[in-house]
C-alpha atoms as a PDB file:
ATOM      1  CA  MET A   1     -78.878 115.046  28.853  1.00  0.00           C
ATOM      2  CA  ASP A   2     -75.393 116.254  28.054  1.00  0.00           C
ATOM      3  CA  GLY A   3     -74.080 119.592  26.957  1.00  0.00           C
ATOM      4  CA  ALA A   4     -74.168 118.639  23.276  1.00  0.00           C
ATOM      5  CA  HIS A   5     -77.889 119.343  23.254  1.00  0.00           C
ATOM      6  CA  LEU A   6     -77.549 122.965  24.293  1.00  0.00           C
ATOM      7  CA  THR A   7     -77.299 124.544  20.860  1.00  0.00           C
ATOM      8  CA  PRO A   8     -80.520 126.590  20.351  1.00  0.00           C
ATOM      9  CA  PRO A   9     -81.537 129.901  21.957  1.00  0.00           C
ATOM     10  CA  GLU A  10     -83.723 130.074  25.048  1.00  0.00           C
ATOM     11  CA  HIS A  11     -87.474 129.606  24.698  1.00  0.00           C
ATOM     12  CA  LEU A  12     -90.367 130.405  26.923  1.00  0.00           C
ATOM     13  CA  ALA A  13     -91.220 127.452  29.136  1.00  0.00           C
ATOM     14  CA  ASN A  14     -94.452 125.511  28.705  1.00  0.00           C
ATOM     15  CA  THR A  15     -95.404 127.529  25.638  1.00  0.00           C
ATOM     16  CA  PHE A  16     -95.440 125.361  22.541  1.00  0.00           C
ATOM     17  CA  SER A  17     -98.254 122.860  22.158  1.00  0.00           C
ATOM     18  CA  ALA A  18    -100.219 120.835  19.635  1.00  0.00           C
ATOM     19  CA  GLN A  19    -103.438 118.852  19.753  1.00  0.00           C
ATOM     20  CA  PHE A  20    -105.873 116.876  17.632  1.00  0.00           C
ATOM     21  CA  ALA A  21    -108.921 118.693  16.218  1.00  0.00           C
ATOM     22  CA  PRO A  22    -111.653 117.765  13.694  1.00  0.00           C
ATOM     23  CA  ILE A  23    -110.305 118.363  10.227  1.00  0.00           C
ATOM     24  CA  THR A  24    -113.432 120.178   9.021  1.00  0.00           C
ATOM     25  CA  ASP A  25    -112.946 122.782  11.743  1.00  0.00           C
ATOM     26  CA  VAL A  26    -109.288 123.129  10.796  1.00  0.00           C
ATOM     27  CA  LYS A  27    -110.076 123.604   7.105  1.00  0.00           C
ATOM     28  CA  ALA A  28    -112.770 126.141   7.941  1.00  0.00           C
ATOM     29  CA  LYS A  29    -110.276 128.012  10.173  1.00  0.00           C
ATOM     30  CA  ARG A  30    -112.729 128.070  13.053  1.00  0.00           C
ATOM     31  CA  THR A  31    -112.323 127.252  16.717  1.00  0.00           C
ATOM     32  CA  PRO A  32    -112.533 123.454  17.042  1.00  0.00           C
ATOM     33  CA  LYS A  33    -115.638 122.093  18.716  1.00  0.00           C
ATOM     34  CA  GLU A  34    -113.522 119.448  20.401  1.00  0.00           C
ATOM     35  CA  THR A  35    -109.831 118.718  20.861  1.00  0.00           C
ATOM     36  CA  TYR A  36    -107.802 115.751  22.023  1.00  0.00           C
ATOM     37  CA  SER A  37    -104.341 115.370  23.505  1.00  0.00           C
ATOM     38  CA  LEU A  38    -101.707 113.866  21.231  1.00  0.00           C
ATOM     39  CA  ASP A  39    -101.101 111.400  24.044  1.00  0.00           C
ATOM     40  CA  GLU A  40    -104.635 110.058  23.699  1.00  0.00           C
ATOM     41  CA  VAL A  41    -105.307 106.971  21.576  1.00  0.00           C
ATOM     42  CA  VAL A  42    -108.094 108.332  19.388  1.00  0.00           C
ATOM     43  CA  TYR A  43    -108.961 107.664  15.751  1.00  0.00           C
ATOM     44  CA  LYS A  44    -111.747 110.096  14.909  1.00  0.00           C
ATOM     45  CA  ALA A  45    -113.878 112.911  16.273  1.00  0.00           C
ATOM     46  CA  SER A  46    -117.188 112.257  18.006  1.00  0.00           C
ATOM     47  CA  ASN A  47    -119.054 112.939  14.748  1.00  0.00           C
ATOM     48  CA  GLY A  48    -116.847 110.564  12.774  1.00  0.00           C
ATOM     49  CA  ASP A  49    -114.710 113.332  11.309  1.00  0.00           C
ATOM     50  CA  LEU A  50    -111.032 112.791  10.626  1.00  0.00           C
ATOM     51  CA  LEU A  51    -108.573 114.456  12.999  1.00  0.00           C
ATOM     52  CA  ASP A  52    -105.773 116.845  12.161  1.00  0.00           C
ATOM     53  CA  VAL A  53    -102.874 118.100  14.278  1.00  0.00           C
ATOM     54  CA  VAL A  54    -103.158 121.772  15.209  1.00  0.00           C
ATOM     55  CA  HIS A  55    -100.189 123.732  16.550  1.00  0.00           C
ATOM     56  CA  ASP A  56    -100.335 126.856  18.689  1.00  0.00           C
ATOM     57  CA  MET A  57     -99.077 129.226  16.000  1.00  0.00           C
ATOM     58  CA  ASP A  58     -99.301 132.257  18.295  1.00  0.00           C
ATOM     59  CA  ALA A  59     -96.772 130.633  20.615  1.00  0.00           C
ATOM     60  CA  LEU A  60     -94.407 129.786  17.776  1.00  0.00           C
ATOM     61  CA  SER A  61     -94.691 133.278  16.318  1.00  0.00           C
ATOM     62  CA  GLN A  62     -93.276 134.789  19.503  1.00  0.00           C
ATOM     63  CA  PHE A  63     -89.951 134.235  17.778  1.00  0.00           C
ATOM     64  CA  ASP A  64     -89.155 135.688  14.370  1.00  0.00           C
ATOM     65  CA  ALA A  65     -87.706 133.933  11.335  1.00  0.00           C
ATOM     66  CA  ALA A  66     -84.158 134.977  12.183  1.00  0.00           C
ATOM     67  CA  HIS A  67     -84.482 133.335  15.613  1.00  0.00           C
ATOM     68  CA  TRP A  68     -85.757 130.032  14.228  1.00  0.00           C
ATOM     69  CA  ARG A  69     -83.129 130.018  11.476  1.00  0.00           C
ATOM     70  CA  LYS A  70     -80.412 130.395  14.079  1.00  0.00           C
ATOM     71  CA  VAL A  71     -81.885 127.564  16.149  1.00  0.00           C
ATOM     72  CA  PHE A  72     -82.213 125.191  13.216  1.00  0.00           C
ATOM     73  CA  ASP A  73     -78.840 126.033  11.670  1.00  0.00           C
ATOM     74  CA  ALA A  74     -77.140 125.314  15.000  1.00  0.00           C
ATOM     75  CA  ARG A  75     -78.715 121.858  15.126  1.00  0.00           C
ATOM     76  CA  VAL A  76     -78.871 120.499  11.604  1.00  0.00           C
ATOM     77  CA  GLY A  77     -76.293 117.966  10.485  1.00  0.00           C
ATOM     78  CA  THR A  78     -74.772 117.532  13.949  1.00  0.00           C
ATOM     79  CA  THR A  79     -74.427 114.305  15.930  1.00  0.00           C
ATOM     80  CA  SER A  80     -76.382 115.787  18.844  1.00  0.00           C
ATOM     81  CA  TRP A  81     -79.342 113.497  19.483  1.00  0.00           C
ATOM     82  CA  PRO A  82     -81.901 113.911  18.032  1.00  0.00           C
ATOM     83  CA  TYR A  83     -81.173 117.269  16.409  1.00  0.00           C
ATOM     84  CA  GLY A  84     -78.964 115.917  13.625  1.00  0.00           C
ATOM     85  CA  SER A  85     -82.151 114.673  11.986  1.00  0.00           C
ATOM     86  CA  GLY A  86     -83.627 116.907   9.317  1.00  0.00           C
ATOM     87  CA  VAL A  87     -86.965 116.447  11.085  1.00  0.00           C
ATOM     88  CA  TRP A  88     -85.994 116.716  14.748  1.00  0.00           C
ATOM     89  CA  SER A  89     -83.797 119.727  14.161  1.00  0.00           C
ATOM     90  CA  LYS A  90     -87.209 121.437  14.036  1.00  0.00           C
ATOM     91  CA  LYS A  91     -88.461 119.644  17.147  1.00  0.00           C
ATOM     92  CA  GLU A  92     -90.655 122.507  18.426  1.00  0.00           C
ATOM     93  CA  TRP A  93     -92.437 122.664  15.072  1.00  0.00           C
ATOM     94  CA  VAL A  94     -92.899 118.912  14.770  1.00  0.00           C
ATOM     95  CA  LEU A  95     -94.085 117.431  18.050  1.00  0.00           C
ATOM     96  CA  PRO A  96     -94.499 119.841  20.978  1.00  0.00           C
ATOM     97  CA  VAL A  97     -96.715 117.491  22.978  1.00  0.00           C
ATOM     98  CA  GLY A  98     -97.762 118.082  26.557  1.00  0.00           C
ATOM     99  CA  VAL A  99     -96.096 116.508  29.552  1.00  0.00           C
ATOM    100  CA  SER A 100     -97.154 113.725  31.846  1.00  0.00           C
ATOM    101  CA  PRO A 101     -97.283 114.316  35.631  1.00  0.00           C
ATOM    102  CA  GLY A 102     -94.121 112.296  36.081  1.00  0.00           C
ATOM    103  CA  GLU A 103     -92.184 114.521  33.698  1.00  0.00           C
ATOM    104  CA  LYS A 104     -92.924 117.878  35.292  1.00  0.00           C
ATOM    105  CA  GLY A 105     -90.006 119.731  36.787  1.00  0.00           C
ATOM    106  CA  LEU A 106     -86.707 121.327  36.019  1.00  0.00           C
ATOM    107  CA  HIS A 107     -83.835 119.160  34.919  1.00  0.00           C
ATOM    108  CA  ARG A 108     -80.183 120.119  34.979  1.00  0.00           C
ATOM    109  CA  SER A 109     -78.538 119.133  31.730  1.00  0.00           C
ATOM    110  CA  GLY A 110     -74.871 119.506  32.547  1.00  0.00           C
ATOM    111  CA  ASP A 111     -72.223 121.914  31.421  1.00  0.00           C
ATOM    112  CA  ALA A 112     -71.401 122.968  27.883  1.00  0.00           C
ATOM    113  CA  ALA A 113     -68.176 124.923  27.433  1.00  0.00           C
ATOM    114  CA  GLY A 114     -68.327 125.717  31.158  1.00  0.00           C
ATOM    115  CA  LYS A 115     -71.852 127.139  30.997  1.00  0.00           C
ATOM    116  CA  ARG A 116     -74.979 125.821  32.660  1.00  0.00           C
ATOM    117  CA  GLY A 117     -77.960 124.621  30.724  1.00  0.00           C
ATOM    118  CA  TRP A 118     -81.451 123.569  31.743  1.00  0.00           C
ATOM    119  CA  TRP A 119     -84.296 121.645  30.198  1.00  0.00           C
ATOM    120  CA  PHE A 120     -87.704 122.694  31.424  1.00  0.00           C
ATOM    121  CA  PHE A 121     -90.681 120.336  31.146  1.00  0.00           C
ATOM    122  CA  GLY A 122     -93.952 122.075  31.969  1.00  0.00           C
ATOM    123  CA  CYS A 123     -93.260 122.978  35.569  1.00  0.00           C
ATOM    124  CA  CYS A 124     -96.523 123.399  37.453  1.00  0.00           C
ATOM    125  CA  CYS A 125     -95.080 126.048  39.801  1.00  0.00           C
ATOM    126  CA  PRO A 126     -94.719 129.524  38.198  1.00  0.00           C
ATOM    127  CA  ALA A 127     -92.486 130.758  41.031  1.00  0.00           C
ATOM    128  CA  PHE A 128     -90.116 127.848  40.513  1.00  0.00           C
ATOM    129  CA  ALA A 129     -90.028 128.502  36.782  1.00  0.00           C
ATOM    130  CA  ALA A 130     -89.320 132.200  37.293  1.00  0.00           C
ATOM    131  CA  GLN A 131     -86.438 131.411  39.637  1.00  0.00           C
ATOM    132  CA  ALA A 132     -85.025 128.964  37.131  1.00  0.00           C
ATOM    133  CA  ARG A 133     -85.058 131.602  34.417  1.00  0.00           C
ATOM    134  CA  LYS A 134     -83.252 134.065  36.705  1.00  0.00           C
ATOM    135  CA  GLU A 135     -80.496 131.532  37.249  1.00  0.00           C
ATOM    136  CA  MET A 136     -79.942 131.050  33.537  1.00  0.00           C
ATOM    137  CA  CYS A 137     -77.321 132.996  31.629  1.00  0.00           C
ATOM    138  CA  VAL A 138     -79.862 134.151  29.067  1.00  0.00           C
ATOM    139  CA  SER A 139     -77.465 136.697  27.612  1.00  0.00           C
ATOM    140  CA  ASP A 140     -75.844 133.862  25.683  1.00  0.00           C
ATOM    141  CA  PRO A 141     -78.457 132.808  23.060  1.00  0.00           C
ATOM    142  CA  VAL A 142     -76.522 129.750  21.897  1.00  0.00           C
ATOM    143  CA  CYS A 143     -76.027 128.076  25.255  1.00  0.00           C
ATOM    144  CA  HIS A 144     -79.432 127.725  26.858  1.00  0.00           C
ATOM    145  CA  THR A 145     -82.876 126.549  25.949  1.00  0.00           C
ATOM    146  CA  LEU A 146     -86.216 125.950  27.591  1.00  0.00           C
ATOM    147  CA  VAL A 147     -87.979 123.191  25.747  1.00  0.00           C
ATOM    148  CA  GLN A 148     -91.328 121.493  26.113  1.00  0.00           C
ATOM    149  CA  GLY A 149     -92.039 118.389  24.141  1.00  0.00           C
ATOM    150  CA  ILE A 150     -91.457 114.726  23.591  1.00  0.00           C
ATOM    151  CA  SER A 151     -88.517 113.309  25.519  1.00  0.00           C
ATOM    152  CA  ASP A 152     -85.396 112.677  23.475  1.00  0.00           C
ATOM    153  CA  ASP A 153     -85.411 109.134  24.868  1.00  0.00           C
ATOM    154  CA  ASP A 154     -88.748 108.446  23.156  1.00  0.00           C
ATOM    155  CA  ILE A 155     -87.676 109.661  19.732  1.00  0.00           C
ATOM    156  CA  VAL A 156     -87.147 107.003  17.064  1.00  0.00           C
ATOM    157  CA  SER A 157     -84.865 108.451  14.418  1.00  0.00           C
ATOM    158  CA  MET A 158     -82.357 107.339  11.798  1.00  0.00           C
ATOM    159  CA  PHE A 159     -81.222 110.916  11.252  1.00  0.00           C
ATOM    160  CA  GLU A 160     -83.600 111.085   8.309  1.00  0.00           C
ATOM    161  CA  GLY A 161     -83.888 114.149   6.120  1.00  0.00           C
ATOM    162  CA  ASN A 162     -81.090 116.518   5.144  1.00  0.00           C
ATOM    163  CA  SER A 163     -81.082 114.794   1.753  1.00  0.00           C
ATOM    164  CA  ASN A 164     -79.081 116.414  -1.017  1.00  0.00           C
ATOM    165  CA  LEU A 165     -80.158 118.723  -3.781  1.00  0.00           C
ATOM    166  CA  PHE A 166     -79.333 117.179  -7.156  1.00  0.00           C
ATOM    167  CA  TRP A 167     -78.423 119.296 -10.144  1.00  0.00           C
ATOM    168  CA  ALA A 168     -80.877 118.443 -12.936  1.00  0.00           C
ATOM    169  CA  GLU A 169     -79.184 120.610 -15.549  1.00  0.00           C
ATOM    170  CA  ARG A 170     -80.232 118.660 -18.657  1.00  0.00           C
ATOM    171  CA  PHE A 171     -83.848 118.183 -17.565  1.00  0.00           C
ATOM    172  CA  GLY A 172     -84.138 121.838 -16.637  1.00  0.00           C
ATOM    173  CA  ARG A 173     -82.640 123.036 -19.895  1.00  0.00           C
ATOM    174  CA  GLN A 174     -84.410 120.661 -22.279  1.00  0.00           C
ATOM    175  CA  THR A 175     -87.808 120.410 -20.614  1.00  0.00           C
ATOM    176  CA  LEU A 176     -88.332 123.558 -18.583  1.00  0.00           C
ATOM    177  CA  GLY A 177     -86.061 126.068 -20.263  1.00  0.00           C
ATOM    178  CA  MET A 178     -84.150 126.582 -17.021  1.00  0.00           C
ATOM    179  CA  SER A 179     -80.373 126.859 -16.867  1.00  0.00           C
ATOM    180  CA  ASP A 180     -79.858 125.983 -13.212  1.00  0.00           C
ATOM    181  CA  LEU A 181     -82.424 123.498 -11.858  1.00  0.00           C
ATOM    182  CA  TRP A 182     -81.861 121.680  -8.555  1.00  0.00           C
ATOM    183  CA  VAL A 183     -84.145 118.882  -7.317  1.00  0.00           C
ATOM    184  CA  LYS A 184     -84.696 117.849  -3.704  1.00  0.00           C
ATOM    185  CA  GLN A 185     -84.554 114.047  -3.653  1.00  0.00           C
ATOM    186  CA  CYS A 186     -86.364 112.995  -0.477  1.00  0.00           C
ATOM    187  CA  GLY A 187     -86.400 109.382  -1.650  1.00  0.00           C
ATOM    188  CA  ASN A 188     -82.645 109.208  -1.101  1.00  0.00           C
ATOM    189  CA  SER A 189     -83.174 107.905   2.419  1.00  0.00           C
ATOM    190  CA  HIS A 190     -82.975 104.792   4.580  1.00  0.00           C
ATOM    191  CA  THR A 191     -86.025 103.049   3.128  1.00  0.00           C
ATOM    192  CA  GLY A 192     -86.079 104.744  -0.264  1.00  0.00           C
ATOM    193  CA  SER A 193     -89.237 106.556   0.795  1.00  0.00           C
ATOM    194  CA  PHE A 194     -89.838 110.203   1.556  1.00  0.00           C
ATOM    195  CA  LYS A 195     -92.316 108.995   4.170  1.00  0.00           C
ATOM    196  CA  ASP A 196     -89.424 108.390   6.543  1.00  0.00           C
ATOM    197  CA  LEU A 197     -89.815 112.096   7.307  1.00  0.00           C
ATOM    198  CA  GLY A 198     -93.304 111.643   8.724  1.00  0.00           C
ATOM    199  CA  MET A 199     -92.870 108.153  10.090  1.00  0.00           C
ATOM    200  CA  THR A 200     -90.183 109.213  12.548  1.00  0.00           C
ATOM    201  CA  ALA A 201     -92.719 111.535  14.188  1.00  0.00           C
ATOM    202  CA  LEU A 202     -95.534 108.973  14.203  1.00  0.00           C
ATOM    203  CA  VAL A 203     -93.492 106.101  15.638  1.00  0.00           C
ATOM    204  CA  SER A 204     -91.818 108.395  18.173  1.00  0.00           C
ATOM    205  CA  GLN A 205     -95.202 109.467  19.510  1.00  0.00           C
ATOM    206  CA  VAL A 206     -96.357 105.842  19.625  1.00  0.00           C
ATOM    207  CA  ASN A 207     -93.182 105.031  21.532  1.00  0.00           C
ATOM    208  CA  ARG A 208     -93.996 107.805  23.993  1.00  0.00           C
ATOM    209  CA  ILE A 209     -97.593 106.636  24.506  1.00  0.00           C
ATOM    210  CA  ARG A 210     -96.495 103.037  25.037  1.00  0.00           C
ATOM    211  CA  ARG A 211     -94.172 104.238  27.794  1.00  0.00           C
ATOM    212  CA  LEU A 212     -96.747 106.516  29.431  1.00  0.00           C
ATOM    213  CA  LYS A 213     -99.635 104.056  29.078  1.00  0.00           C
ATOM    214  CA  PRO A 214     -98.355 100.477  28.942  1.00  0.00           C
ATOM    215  CA  GLY A 215    -100.718  98.193  27.062  1.00  0.00           C
ATOM    216  CA  SER A 216    -102.504 101.024  25.270  1.00  0.00           C
ATOM    217  CA  ILE A 217    -100.939 100.277  21.864  1.00  0.00           C
ATOM    218  CA  SER A 218     -99.864  96.767  20.980  1.00  0.00           C
ATOM    219  CA  ALA A 219     -98.882  97.349  17.345  1.00  0.00           C
ATOM    220  CA  VAL A 220     -99.035  99.870  14.506  1.00  0.00           C
ATOM    221  CA  GLY A 221    -100.708  98.962  11.221  1.00  0.00           C
ATOM    222  CA  CYS A 222    -101.132 100.424   7.771  1.00  0.00           C
ATOM    223  CA  ALA A 223    -102.652  99.511   4.409  1.00  0.00           C
ATOM    224  CA  SER A 224     -99.913 100.074   1.864  1.00  0.00           C
ATOM    225  CA  THR A 225     -98.042  98.470  -1.012  1.00  0.00           C
ATOM    226  CA  GLY A 226     -95.075 100.793  -0.992  1.00  0.00           C
ATOM    227  CA  ASP A 227     -93.738 103.896   0.712  1.00  0.00           C
ATOM    228  CA  THR A 228     -95.828 103.859   3.896  1.00  0.00           C
ATOM    229  CA  SER A 229     -95.269 100.187   4.634  1.00  0.00           C
ATOM    230  CA  ALA A 230     -91.515 100.421   4.012  1.00  0.00           C
ATOM    231  CA  ALA A 231     -91.138 103.398   6.334  1.00  0.00           C
ATOM    232  CA  LEU A 232     -93.463 102.035   9.027  1.00  0.00           C
ATOM    233  CA  SER A 233     -91.738  98.641   9.084  1.00  0.00           C
ATOM    234  CA  ALA A 234     -88.295 100.184   9.392  1.00  0.00           C
ATOM    235  CA  TYR A 235     -89.111 102.629  12.164  1.00  0.00           C
ATOM    236  CA  CYS A 236     -91.174 100.152  14.173  1.00  0.00           C
ATOM    237  CA  ALA A 237     -88.332  97.658  13.894  1.00  0.00           C
ATOM    238  CA  ALA A 238     -85.901 100.277  15.173  1.00  0.00           C
ATOM    239  CA  ALA A 239     -88.176 100.930  18.162  1.00  0.00           C
ATOM    240  CA  GLY A 240     -89.004  97.291  18.840  1.00  0.00           C
ATOM    241  CA  ILE A 241     -92.698  97.930  18.170  1.00  0.00           C
ATOM    242  CA  PRO A 242     -94.707  95.306  16.240  1.00  0.00           C
ATOM    243  CA  SER A 243     -95.929  96.510  12.844  1.00  0.00           C
ATOM    244  CA  ILE A 244     -98.674  95.086  10.649  1.00  0.00           C
ATOM    245  CA  VAL A 245     -99.003  95.768   6.914  1.00  0.00           C
ATOM    246  CA  PHE A 246    -102.352  95.046   5.271  1.00  0.00           C
ATOM    247  CA  LEU A 247    -102.128  94.269   1.552  1.00  0.00           C
ATOM    248  CA  PRO A 248    -105.129  94.307  -0.803  1.00  0.00           C
ATOM    249  CA  ALA A 249    -106.158  91.105  -2.542  1.00  0.00           C
ATOM    250  CA  VAL A 250    -105.094  90.820  -6.180  1.00  0.00           C
ATOM    251  CA  SER A 251    -107.947  90.744  -8.709  1.00  0.00           C
ATOM    252  CA  LYS A 252    -108.262  88.295 -11.596  1.00  0.00           C
ATOM    253  CA  GLU A 253    -106.848  90.964 -13.872  1.00  0.00           C
ATOM    254  CA  GLY A 254    -103.715  91.038 -11.752  1.00  0.00           C
ATOM    255  CA  ARG A 255    -104.438  94.487 -10.369  1.00  0.00           C
ATOM    256  CA  CYS A 256    -104.714  95.428  -6.714  1.00  0.00           C
END
């Protein structure tokens, strides 16, 4: 990694995490009966329940809104991979997966404006981690970061997001009685679908799993006639991952 990545403040190492949990437990806001790693190829809970992604909100809340705003503002719209993406500029909030044994350790990133920076991936030795933190110039909040999560090399992104706000003055005035209405147009993207925003995360994680566990995922499929299939096809093509789109049969009435 080069110095261009060293824009956000420092974080606590090996802190942020996310996992799969049964969706009924998540909705009920109770401790999940079972959880699964995001690196595991799993489709449903043991009781057949759907799975949802649960983040460690306590870990994220160690930093206040002003901190996160500073991190995100320093990243968004830049050419620093992958942080120029409207999605990956919030990397810690999107996909803070665990680390594989081969990824553990401390990695020197290089110099940025003459200052050292480090990337920390779930070091298994607390003493080593503590020493690394001592060596960092943590007084400069813009230069250094400790990040756990998916490798930048696994991310599949087209710098999606960051779409414009459009001034809908006439619609606001005539329909809603508003004098200054602005609309976020997420469909103004690579595939014409707002689902690019989610698909970059899904395909990136698939890309990661295929690297960690060769042969575990041969293709990604979906049943869709529009947004999902357009986004999935584009991002899988960018990653070189086969994609399969299942289309429903057309009835005699010409309806799907």
